Every structure is written in C-alpha cells, then in structure tokens.
Amino acid sequence: ISGFIGRTVGGLSLREATMASLAGGYGNIGYMGPGLALAVLGTKA
C-alpha cells in the first residue's frame, strides 16, 4: 500500500517506491519493539 501511495501521490519510480514501501512496512521492531513489548505485556510477549 505504501508503494502504491509513493507511485500515485509522489510520482516515484519503481526503485524509489520500493524504499517508500519499506518506510510504510518496516517498523522499529529491532530497536524499540522488544523492550517496549516486554514492558507493556510482560514476558509472555
């Protein structure tokens, strides 16, 4: 969906739209994710 927005709204090339797709799909699951999930939900997360 992010790549589609990049193509239609921003007029990006396929190469640029791939990076836009990454920005919309790749969350901070390495740096923020583990610590935050364990703090909110405990060890079961």
All heavy atoms as atom14 arrays in JSON, in Angstrom:
{
  "sequence": "ISGFIGRTVGGLSLREATMASLAGGYGNIGYMGPGLALAVLGTKA",
  "atom14_mask": [
    [1, 1, 1, 1, 1, 1, 1, 1, 0, 0, 0, 0, 0, 0],
    [1, 1, 1, 1, 1, 1, 0, 0, 0, 0, 0, 0, 0, 0],
    [1, 1, 1, 1, 0, 0, 0, 0, 0, 0, 0, 0, 0, 0],
    [1, 1, 1, 1, 1, 1, 1, 1, 1, 1, 1, 0, 0, 0],
    [1, 1, 1, 1, 1, 1, 1, 1, 0, 0, 0, 0, 0, 0],
    [1, 1, 1, 1, 0, 0, 0, 0, 0, 0, 0, 0, 0, 0],
    [1, 1, 1, 1, 1, 1, 1, 1, 1, 1, 1, 0, 0, 0],
    [1, 1, 1, 1, 1, 1, 1, 0, 0, 0, 0, 0, 0, 0],
    [1, 1, 1, 1, 1, 1, 1, 0, 0, 0, 0, 0, 0, 0],
    [1, 1, 1, 1, 0, 0, 0, 0, 0, 0, 0, 0, 0, 0],
    [1, 1, 1, 1, 0, 0, 0, 0, 0, 0, 0, 0, 0, 0],
    [1, 1, 1, 1, 1, 1, 1, 1, 0, 0, 0, 0, 0, 0],
    [1, 1, 1, 1, 1, 1, 0, 0, 0, 0, 0, 0, 0, 0],
    [1, 1, 1, 1, 1, 1, 1, 1, 0, 0, 0, 0, 0, 0],
    [1, 1, 1, 1, 1, 1, 1, 1, 1, 1, 1, 0, 0, 0],
    [1, 1, 1, 1, 1, 1, 1, 1, 1, 0, 0, 0, 0, 0],
    [1, 1, 1, 1, 1, 0, 0, 0, 0, 0, 0, 0, 0, 0],
    [1, 1, 1, 1, 1, 1, 1, 0, 0, 0, 0, 0, 0, 0],
    [1, 1, 1, 1, 1, 1, 1, 1, 0, 0, 0, 0, 0, 0],
    [1, 1, 1, 1, 1, 0, 0, 0, 0, 0, 0, 0, 0, 0],
    [1, 1, 1, 1, 1, 1, 0, 0, 0, 0, 0, 0, 0, 0],
    [1, 1, 1, 1, 1, 1, 1, 1, 0, 0, 0, 0, 0, 0],
    [1, 1, 1, 1, 1, 0, 0, 0, 0, 0, 0, 0, 0, 0],
    [1, 1, 1, 1, 0, 0, 0, 0, 0, 0, 0, 0, 0, 0],
    [1, 1, 1, 1, 0, 0, 0, 0, 0, 0, 0, 0, 0, 0],
    [1, 1, 1, 1, 1, 1, 1, 1, 1, 1, 1, 1, 0, 0],
    [1, 1, 1, 1, 0, 0, 0, 0, 0, 0, 0, 0, 0, 0],
    [1, 1, 1, 1, 1, 1, 1, 1, 0, 0, 0, 0, 0, 0],
    [1, 1, 1, 1, 1, 1, 1, 1, 0, 0, 0, 0, 0, 0],
    [1, 1, 1, 1, 0, 0, 0, 0, 0, 0, 0, 0, 0, 0],
    [1, 1, 1, 1, 1, 1, 1, 1, 1, 1, 1, 1, 0, 0],
    [1, 1, 1, 1, 1, 1, 1, 1, 0, 0, 0, 0, 0, 0],
    [1, 1, 1, 1, 0, 0, 0, 0, 0, 0, 0, 0, 0, 0],
    [1, 1, 1, 1, 1, 1, 1, 0, 0, 0, 0, 0, 0, 0],
    [1, 1, 1, 1, 0, 0, 0, 0, 0, 0, 0, 0, 0, 0],
    [1, 1, 1, 1, 1, 1, 1, 1, 0, 0, 0, 0, 0, 0],
    [1, 1, 1, 1, 1, 0, 0, 0, 0, 0, 0, 0, 0, 0],
    [1, 1, 1, 1, 1, 1, 1, 1, 0, 0, 0, 0, 0, 0],
    [1, 1, 1, 1, 1, 0, 0, 0, 0, 0, 0, 0, 0, 0],
    [1, 1, 1, 1, 1, 1, 1, 0, 0, 0, 0, 0, 0, 0],
    [1, 1, 1, 1, 1, 1, 1, 1, 0, 0, 0, 0, 0, 0],
    [1, 1, 1, 1, 0, 0, 0, 0, 0, 0, 0, 0, 0, 0],
    [1, 1, 1, 1, 1, 1, 1, 0, 0, 0, 0, 0, 0, 0],
    [1, 1, 1, 1, 1, 1, 1, 1, 1, 0, 0, 0, 0, 0],
    [1, 1, 1, 1, 1, 0, 0, 0, 0, 0, 0, 0, 0, 0]
  ],
  "atom14_positions": [
    [[0.85, -1.21, 0.0], [0.0, 0.0, 0.0], [0.88, 1.25, 0.0], [0.6, 2.23, -0.71], [-0.95, 0.0, 1.21], [-2.0, -1.11, 1.05], [-1.65, 1.34, 1.36], [-2.84, -1.34, 2.29], [0.0, 0.0, 0.0], [0.0, 0.0, 0.0], [0.0, 0.0, 0.0], [0.0, 0.0, 0.0], [0.0, 0.0, 0.0], [0.0, 0.0, 0.0]],
    [[1.95, 1.23, 0.78], [2.86, 2.38, 0.82], [3.53, 2.6, -0.53], [3.7, 3.74, -0.98], [3.92, 2.17, 1.9], [3.33, 2.07, 3.17], [0.0, 0.0, 0.0], [0.0, 0.0, 0.0], [0.0, 0.0, 0.0], [0.0, 0.0, 0.0], [0.0, 0.0, 0.0], [0.0, 0.0, 0.0], [0.0, 0.0, 0.0], [0.0, 0.0, 0.0]],
    [[3.9, 1.51, -1.19], [4.49, 1.64, -2.52], [3.49, 2.23, -3.51], [3.86, 3.05, -4.37], [0.0, 0.0, 0.0], [0.0, 0.0, 0.0], [0.0, 0.0, 0.0], [0.0, 0.0, 0.0], [0.0, 0.0, 0.0], [0.0, 0.0, 0.0], [0.0, 0.0, 0.0], [0.0, 0.0, 0.0], [0.0, 0.0, 0.0], [0.0, 0.0, 0.0]],
    [[2.24, 1.83, -3.41], [1.19, 2.37, -4.28], [1.03, 3.88, -4.04], [0.89, 4.66, -4.99], [-0.12, 1.64, -4.02], [-1.27, 2.16, -4.83], [-1.4, 1.83, -6.17], [-2.23, 2.98, -4.25], [-2.46, 2.32, -6.92], [-3.29, 3.47, -4.99], [-3.42, 3.14, -6.34], [0.0, 0.0, 0.0], [0.0, 0.0, 0.0], [0.0, 0.0, 0.0]],
    [[1.05, 4.29, -2.77], [0.95, 5.73, -2.45], [2.15, 6.47, -3.04], [2.01, 7.57, -3.6], [0.87, 5.92, -0.93], [-0.48, 5.42, -0.41], [1.07, 7.4, -0.55], [-0.6, 5.44, 1.1], [0.0, 0.0, 0.0], [0.0, 0.0, 0.0], [0.0, 0.0, 0.0], [0.0, 0.0, 0.0], [0.0, 0.0, 0.0], [0.0, 0.0, 0.0]],
    [[3.32, 5.89, -2.9], [4.51, 6.53, -3.47], [4.41, 6.71, -4.97], [4.8, 7.76, -5.51], [0.0, 0.0, 0.0], [0.0, 0.0, 0.0], [0.0, 0.0, 0.0], [0.0, 0.0, 0.0], [0.0, 0.0, 0.0], [0.0, 0.0, 0.0], [0.0, 0.0, 0.0], [0.0, 0.0, 0.0], [0.0, 0.0, 0.0], [0.0, 0.0, 0.0]],
    [[3.88, 5.71, -5.66], [3.76, 5.78, -7.11], [2.7, 6.78, -7.54], [2.92, 7.57, -8.48], [3.41, 4.4, -7.67], [4.52, 3.38, -7.56], [5.57, 3.55, -8.63], [5.1, 3.08, -9.94], [5.75, 3.29, -11.07], [6.86, 4.0, -11.08], [5.27, 2.82, -12.21], [0.0, 0.0, 0.0], [0.0, 0.0, 0.0], [0.0, 0.0, 0.0]],
    [[1.55, 6.77, -6.88], [0.41, 7.59, -7.33], [0.47, 9.02, -6.81], [0.19, 9.96, -7.55], [-0.91, 6.94, -6.9], [-0.92, 6.75, -5.49], [-1.09, 5.6, -7.58], [0.0, 0.0, 0.0], [0.0, 0.0, 0.0], [0.0, 0.0, 0.0], [0.0, 0.0, 0.0], [0.0, 0.0, 0.0], [0.0, 0.0, 0.0], [0.0, 0.0, 0.0]],
    [[0.82, 9.19, -5.54], [0.84, 10.53, -4.94], [2.17, 11.24, -5.21], [2.2, 12.41, -5.57], [0.58, 10.45, -3.42], [0.68, 11.83, -2.78], [-0.79, 9.83, -3.15], [0.0, 0.0, 0.0], [0.0, 0.0, 0.0], [0.0, 0.0, 0.0], [0.0, 0.0, 0.0], [0.0, 0.0, 0.0], [0.0, 0.0, 0.0], [0.0, 0.0, 0.0]],
    [[3.27, 10.51, -5.04], [4.58, 11.14, -5.2], [5.16, 11.01, -6.58], [6.2, 11.63, -6.87], [0.0, 0.0, 0.0], [0.0, 0.0, 0.0], [0.0, 0.0, 0.0], [0.0, 0.0, 0.0], [0.0, 0.0, 0.0], [0.0, 0.0, 0.0], [0.0, 0.0, 0.0], [0.0, 0.0, 0.0], [0.0, 0.0, 0.0], [0.0, 0.0, 0.0]],
    [[4.55, 10.2, -7.44], [5.1, 10.0, -8.78], [6.48, 9.36, -8.76], [7.32, 9.67, -9.61], [0.0, 0.0, 0.0], [0.0, 0.0, 0.0], [0.0, 0.0, 0.0], [0.0, 0.0, 0.0], [0.0, 0.0, 0.0], [0.0, 0.0, 0.0], [0.0, 0.0, 0.0], [0.0, 0.0, 0.0], [0.0, 0.0, 0.0], [0.0, 0.0, 0.0]],
    [[6.72, 8.46, -7.84], [8.03, 7.86, -7.67], [8.28, 6.78, -8.72], [7.34, 6.15, -9.22], [8.17, 7.25, -6.28], [7.93, 8.16, -5.08], [8.13, 7.39, -3.78], [8.85, 9.38, -5.12], [0.0, 0.0, 0.0], [0.0, 0.0, 0.0], [0.0, 0.0, 0.0], [0.0, 0.0, 0.0], [0.0, 0.0, 0.0], [0.0, 0.0, 0.0]],
    [[9.54, 6.56, -9.02], [9.91, 5.43, -9.86], [9.74, 4.15, -9.04], [9.56, 4.18, -7.82], [11.37, 5.57, -10.3], [12.23, 5.47, -9.17], [0.0, 0.0, 0.0], [0.0, 0.0, 0.0], [0.0, 0.0, 0.0], [0.0, 0.0, 0.0], [0.0, 0.0, 0.0], [0.0, 0.0, 0.0], [0.0, 0.0, 0.0], [0.0, 0.0, 0.0]],
    [[9.81, 3.0, -9.72], [9.69, 1.73, -9.02], [10.78, 1.57, -7.97], [10.54, 1.04, -6.88], [9.74, 0.57, -10.01], [8.48, 0.32, -10.85], [8.74, -0.76, -11.9], [7.32, -0.08, -9.95], [0.0, 0.0, 0.0], [0.0, 0.0, 0.0], [0.0, 0.0, 0.0], [0.0, 0.0, 0.0], [0.0, 0.0, 0.0], [0.0, 0.0, 0.0]],
    [[11.96, 2.04, -8.3], [13.08, 1.94, -7.37], [12.83, 2.8, -6.12], [13.03, 2.35, -4.99], [14.37, 2.38, -8.08], [15.65, 2.06, -7.33], [16.84, 2.35, -8.23], [18.1, 2.1, -7.55], [18.65, 0.9, -7.44], [18.06, -0.16, -7.93], [19.82, 0.75, -6.8], [0.0, 0.0, 0.0], [0.0, 0.0, 0.0], [0.0, 0.0, 0.0]],
    [[12.38, 4.02, -6.32], [12.06, 4.9, -5.19], [10.85, 4.39, -4.41], [10.82, 4.45, -3.18], [11.8, 6.32, -5.7], [13.01, 7.0, -6.28], [12.65, 8.29, -7.0], [11.54, 8.36, -7.58], [13.48, 9.23, -6.99], [0.0, 0.0, 0.0], [0.0, 0.0, 0.0], [0.0, 0.0, 0.0], [0.0, 0.0, 0.0], [0.0, 0.0, 0.0]],
    [[9.87, 3.86, -5.13], [8.67, 3.35, -4.48], [8.98, 2.15, -3.6], [8.29, 1.91, -2.59], [7.62, 2.97, -5.52], [0.0, 0.0, 0.0], [0.0, 0.0, 0.0], [0.0, 0.0, 0.0], [0.0, 0.0, 0.0], [0.0, 0.0, 0.0], [0.0, 0.0, 0.0], [0.0, 0.0, 0.0], [0.0, 0.0, 0.0], [0.0, 0.0, 0.0]],
    [[10.02, 1.39, -3.93], [10.43, 0.27, -3.07], [10.88, 0.79, -1.72], [10.56, 0.21, -0.67], [11.56, -0.53, -3.75], [11.1, -1.04, -5.0], [12.0, -1.69, -2.87], [0.0, 0.0, 0.0], [0.0, 0.0, 0.0], [0.0, 0.0, 0.0], [0.0, 0.0, 0.0], [0.0, 0.0, 0.0], [0.0, 0.0, 0.0], [0.0, 0.0, 0.0]],
    [[11.63, 1.89, -1.72], [12.06, 2.48, -0.45], [10.87, 3.06, 0.32], [10.79, 2.96, 1.55], [13.09, 3.59, -0.7], [14.45, 3.09, -1.16], [15.28, 2.08, 0.07], [15.06, 0.45, -0.67], [0.0, 0.0, 0.0], [0.0, 0.0, 0.0], [0.0, 0.0, 0.0], [0.0, 0.0, 0.0], [0.0, 0.0, 0.0], [0.0, 0.0, 0.0]],
    [[9.91, 3.66, -0.41], [8.7, 4.16, 0.24], [7.91, 3.02, 0.86], [7.35, 3.13, 1.95], [7.85, 4.92, -0.77], [0.0, 0.0, 0.0], [0.0, 0.0, 0.0], [0.0, 0.0, 0.0], [0.0, 0.0, 0.0], [0.0, 0.0, 0.0], [0.0, 0.0, 0.0], [0.0, 0.0, 0.0], [0.0, 0.0, 0.0], [0.0, 0.0, 0.0]],
    [[7.87, 1.88, 0.14], [7.2, 0.69, 0.68], [7.85, 0.25, 1.98], [7.17, -0.13, 2.95], [7.27, -0.45, -0.34], [6.59, -0.13, -1.53], [0.0, 0.0, 0.0], [0.0, 0.0, 0.0], [0.0, 0.0, 0.0], [0.0, 0.0, 0.0], [0.0, 0.0, 0.0], [0.0, 0.0, 0.0], [0.0, 0.0, 0.0], [0.0, 0.0, 0.0]],
    [[9.18, 0.3, 2.0], [9.91, -0.11, 3.2], [9.58, 0.8, 4.38], [9.4, 0.34, 5.51], [11.41, -0.08, 2.91], [12.32, -0.79, 3.91], [12.05, -2.28, 3.95], [13.79, -0.53, 3.57], [0.0, 0.0, 0.0], [0.0, 0.0, 0.0], [0.0, 0.0, 0.0], [0.0, 0.0, 0.0], [0.0, 0.0, 0.0], [0.0, 0.0, 0.0]],
    [[9.45, 2.11, 4.11], [9.11, 3.06, 5.18], [7.73, 2.79, 5.75], [7.5, 2.99, 6.95], [9.19, 4.49, 4.64], [0.0, 0.0, 0.0], [0.0, 0.0, 0.0], [0.0, 0.0, 0.0], [0.0, 0.0, 0.0], [0.0, 0.0, 0.0], [0.0, 0.0, 0.0], [0.0, 0.0, 0.0], [0.0, 0.0, 0.0], [0.0, 0.0, 0.0]],
    [[6.8, 2.3, 4.92], [5.46, 2.04, 5.39], [5.25, 0.67, 5.98], [4.26, 0.43, 6.67], [0.0, 0.0, 0.0], [0.0, 0.0, 0.0], [0.0, 0.0, 0.0], [0.0, 0.0, 0.0], [0.0, 0.0, 0.0], [0.0, 0.0, 0.0], [0.0, 0.0, 0.0], [0.0, 0.0, 0.0], [0.0, 0.0, 0.0], [0.0, 0.0, 0.0]],
    [[6.19, -0.25, 5.74], [6.01, -1.62, 6.22], [7.0, -2.06, 7.28], [6.73, -3.0, 8.03], [0.0, 0.0, 0.0], [0.0, 0.0, 0.0], [0.0, 0.0, 0.0], [0.0, 0.0, 0.0], [0.0, 0.0, 0.0], [0.0, 0.0, 0.0], [0.0, 0.0, 0.0], [0.0, 0.0, 0.0], [0.0, 0.0, 0.0], [0.0, 0.0, 0.0]],
    [[8.14, -1.38, 7.35], [9.22, -1.81, 8.24], [9.23, -0.95, 9.5], [9.73, 0.16, 9.51], [10.55, -1.71, 7.5], [11.76, -2.25, 8.22], [11.65, -3.07, 9.34], [13.04, -1.94, 7.76], [12.77, -3.56, 9.97], [14.17, -2.43, 8.38], [14.03, -3.24, 9.49], [15.15, -3.73, 10.13], [0.0, 0.0, 0.0], [0.0, 0.0, 0.0]],
    [[8.64, -1.47, 10.58], [8.63, -0.75, 11.84], [9.92, -0.95, 12.61], [10.76, -1.77, 12.26], [0.0, 0.0, 0.0], [0.0, 0.0, 0.0], [0.0, 0.0, 0.0], [0.0, 0.0, 0.0], [0.0, 0.0, 0.0], [0.0, 0.0, 0.0], [0.0, 0.0, 0.0], [0.0, 0.0, 0.0], [0.0, 0.0, 0.0], [0.0, 0.0, 0.0]],
    [[10.04, -0.21, 13.7], [11.27, -0.27, 14.5], [11.24, -1.49, 15.41], [11.34, -1.38, 16.64], [11.39, 1.02, 15.33], [12.84, 1.44, 15.47], [13.71, 0.62, 15.64], [13.07, 2.74, 15.38], [0.0, 0.0, 0.0], [0.0, 0.0, 0.0], [0.0, 0.0, 0.0], [0.0, 0.0, 0.0], [0.0, 0.0, 0.0], [0.0, 0.0, 0.0]],
    [[11.13, -2.68, 14.79], [10.95, -3.92, 15.53], [12.23, -4.41, 16.19], [12.18, -5.29, 17.05], [10.38, -5.02, 14.62], [11.23, -5.17, 13.36], [8.93, -4.71, 14.24], [10.77, -6.29, 12.42], [0.0, 0.0, 0.0], [0.0, 0.0, 0.0], [0.0, 0.0, 0.0], [0.0, 0.0, 0.0], [0.0, 0.0, 0.0], [0.0, 0.0, 0.0]],
    [[13.37, -3.86, 15.78], [14.63, -4.27, 16.4], [14.99, -3.41, 17.6], [15.3, -3.92, 18.68], [0.0, 0.0, 0.0], [0.0, 0.0, 0.0], [0.0, 0.0, 0.0], [0.0, 0.0, 0.0], [0.0, 0.0, 0.0], [0.0, 0.0, 0.0], [0.0, 0.0, 0.0], [0.0, 0.0, 0.0], [0.0, 0.0, 0.0], [0.0, 0.0, 0.0]],
    [[14.96, -2.09, 17.44], [15.4, -1.18, 18.49], [14.32, -0.98, 19.56], [14.57, -1.12, 20.75], [15.77, 0.18, 17.88], [17.13, 0.22, 17.22], [17.86, -0.94, 16.98], [17.68, 1.43, 16.8], [19.09, -0.91, 16.37], [18.93, 1.48, 16.19], [19.63, 0.32, 15.98], [20.85, 0.36, 15.38], [0.0, 0.0, 0.0], [0.0, 0.0, 0.0]],
    [[13.11, -0.63, 19.14], [12.05, -0.31, 20.09], [11.19, -1.51, 20.48], [10.72, -1.6, 21.62], [11.13, 0.79, 19.52], [11.75, 2.15, 19.38], [10.56, 3.37, 18.76], [9.49, 3.55, 20.2], [0.0, 0.0, 0.0], [0.0, 0.0, 0.0], [0.0, 0.0, 0.0], [0.0, 0.0, 0.0], [0.0, 0.0, 0.0], [0.0, 0.0, 0.0]],
    [[10.97, -2.4, 19.53], [9.98, -3.45, 19.71], [10.15, -4.33, 20.93], [9.24, -4.42, 21.77], [0.0, 0.0, 0.0], [0.0, 0.0, 0.0], [0.0, 0.0, 0.0], [0.0, 0.0, 0.0], [0.0, 0.0, 0.0], [0.0, 0.0, 0.0], [0.0, 0.0, 0.0], [0.0, 0.0, 0.0], [0.0, 0.0, 0.0], [0.0, 0.0, 0.0]],
    [[11.31, -5.02, 21.08], [11.43, -5.97, 22.19], [11.26, -5.33, 23.56], [10.47, -5.81, 24.39], [12.84, -6.54, 22.01], [13.13, -6.36, 20.56], [12.46, -5.08, 20.17], [0.0, 0.0, 0.0], [0.0, 0.0, 0.0], [0.0, 0.0, 0.0], [0.0, 0.0, 0.0], [0.0, 0.0, 0.0], [0.0, 0.0, 0.0], [0.0, 0.0, 0.0]],
    [[11.97, -4.23, 23.82], [11.88, -3.6, 25.13], [10.5, -3.09, 25.45], [9.99, -3.26, 26.57], [0.0, 0.0, 0.0], [0.0, 0.0, 0.0], [0.0, 0.0, 0.0], [0.0, 0.0, 0.0], [0.0, 0.0, 0.0], [0.0, 0.0, 0.0], [0.0, 0.0, 0.0], [0.0, 0.0, 0.0], [0.0, 0.0, 0.0], [0.0, 0.0, 0.0]],
    [[9.86, -2.48, 24.46], [8.53, -1.89, 24.68], [7.49, -2.98, 24.89], [6.64, -2.88, 25.8], [8.15, -1.02, 23.49], [6.98, -0.05, 23.69], [7.27, 0.92, 24.81], [6.68, 0.69, 22.4], [0.0, 0.0, 0.0], [0.0, 0.0, 0.0], [0.0, 0.0, 0.0], [0.0, 0.0, 0.0], [0.0, 0.0, 0.0], [0.0, 0.0, 0.0]],
    [[7.52, -4.03, 24.09], [6.54, -5.11, 24.23], [6.68, -5.82, 25.57], [5.68, -6.12, 26.23], [6.69, -6.11, 23.08], [0.0, 0.0, 0.0], [0.0, 0.0, 0.0], [0.0, 0.0, 0.0], [0.0, 0.0, 0.0], [0.0, 0.0, 0.0], [0.0, 0.0, 0.0], [0.0, 0.0, 0.0], [0.0, 0.0, 0.0], [0.0, 0.0, 0.0]],
    [[7.91, -6.07, 25.99], [8.12, -6.73, 27.28], [7.68, -5.83, 28.44], [7.16, -6.32, 29.44], [9.59, -7.11, 27.44], [10.1, -8.21, 26.5], [11.6, -8.38, 26.62], [9.4, -9.53, 26.78], [0.0, 0.0, 0.0], [0.0, 0.0, 0.0], [0.0, 0.0, 0.0], [0.0, 0.0, 0.0], [0.0, 0.0, 0.0], [0.0, 0.0, 0.0]],
    [[7.86, -4.51, 28.29], [7.44, -3.6, 29.35], [5.92, -3.52, 29.45], [5.36, -3.44, 30.54], [8.02, -2.21, 29.09], [0.0, 0.0, 0.0], [0.0, 0.0, 0.0], [0.0, 0.0, 0.0], [0.0, 0.0, 0.0], [0.0, 0.0, 0.0], [0.0, 0.0, 0.0], [0.0, 0.0, 0.0], [0.0, 0.0, 0.0], [0.0, 0.0, 0.0]],
    [[5.24, -3.54, 28.3], [3.78, -3.4, 28.29], [3.07, -4.7, 28.64], [2.1, -4.71, 29.39], [3.3, -2.89, 26.91], [1.78, -2.86, 26.83], [3.86, -1.5, 26.64], [0.0, 0.0, 0.0], [0.0, 0.0, 0.0], [0.0, 0.0, 0.0], [0.0, 0.0, 0.0], [0.0, 0.0, 0.0], [0.0, 0.0, 0.0], [0.0, 0.0, 0.0]],
    [[3.58, -5.83, 28.1], [2.84, -7.09, 28.19], [3.55, -8.16, 28.99], [2.97, -9.24, 29.2], [2.56, -7.61, 26.77], [1.59, -6.73, 25.96], [1.77, -6.98, 24.48], [0.16, -7.01, 26.38], [0.0, 0.0, 0.0], [0.0, 0.0, 0.0], [0.0, 0.0, 0.0], [0.0, 0.0, 0.0], [0.0, 0.0, 0.0], [0.0, 0.0, 0.0]],
    [[4.77, -7.91, 29.42], [5.47, -8.9, 30.23], [6.17, -9.95, 29.38], [6.23, -9.87, 28.15], [0.0, 0.0, 0.0], [0.0, 0.0, 0.0], [0.0, 0.0, 0.0], [0.0, 0.0, 0.0], [0.0, 0.0, 0.0], [0.0, 0.0, 0.0], [0.0, 0.0, 0.0], [0.0, 0.0, 0.0], [0.0, 0.0, 0.0], [0.0, 0.0, 0.0]],
    [[6.67, -10.97, 30.06], [7.5, -11.98, 29.39], [6.73, -12.81, 28.37], [7.34, -13.41, 27.48], [8.12, -12.91, 30.44], [7.07, -13.49, 31.23], [9.07, -12.16, 31.35], [0.0, 0.0, 0.0], [0.0, 0.0, 0.0], [0.0, 0.0, 0.0], [0.0, 0.0, 0.0], [0.0, 0.0, 0.0], [0.0, 0.0, 0.0], [0.0, 0.0, 0.0]],
    [[5.39, -12.85, 28.48], [4.62, -13.63, 27.51], [4.66, -13.02, 26.11], [4.26, -13.67, 25.14], [3.17, -13.76, 27.98], [3.0, -14.66, 29.2], [1.55, -14.84, 29.56], [1.39, -15.78, 30.76], [-0.03, -15.97, 31.14], [0.0, 0.0, 0.0], [0.0, 0.0, 0.0], [0.0, 0.0, 0.0], [0.0, 0.0, 0.0], [0.0, 0.0, 0.0]],
    [[5.13, -11.78, 26.0], [5.27, -11.15, 24.69], [6.57, -11.53, 24.0], [6.75, -11.21, 22.82], [5.2, -9.63, 24.83], [0.0, 0.0, 0.0], [0.0, 0.0, 0.0], [0.0, 0.0, 0.0], [0.0, 0.0, 0.0], [0.0, 0.0, 0.0], [0.0, 0.0, 0.0], [0.0, 0.0, 0.0], [0.0, 0.0, 0.0], [0.0, 0.0, 0.0]]
  ]
}
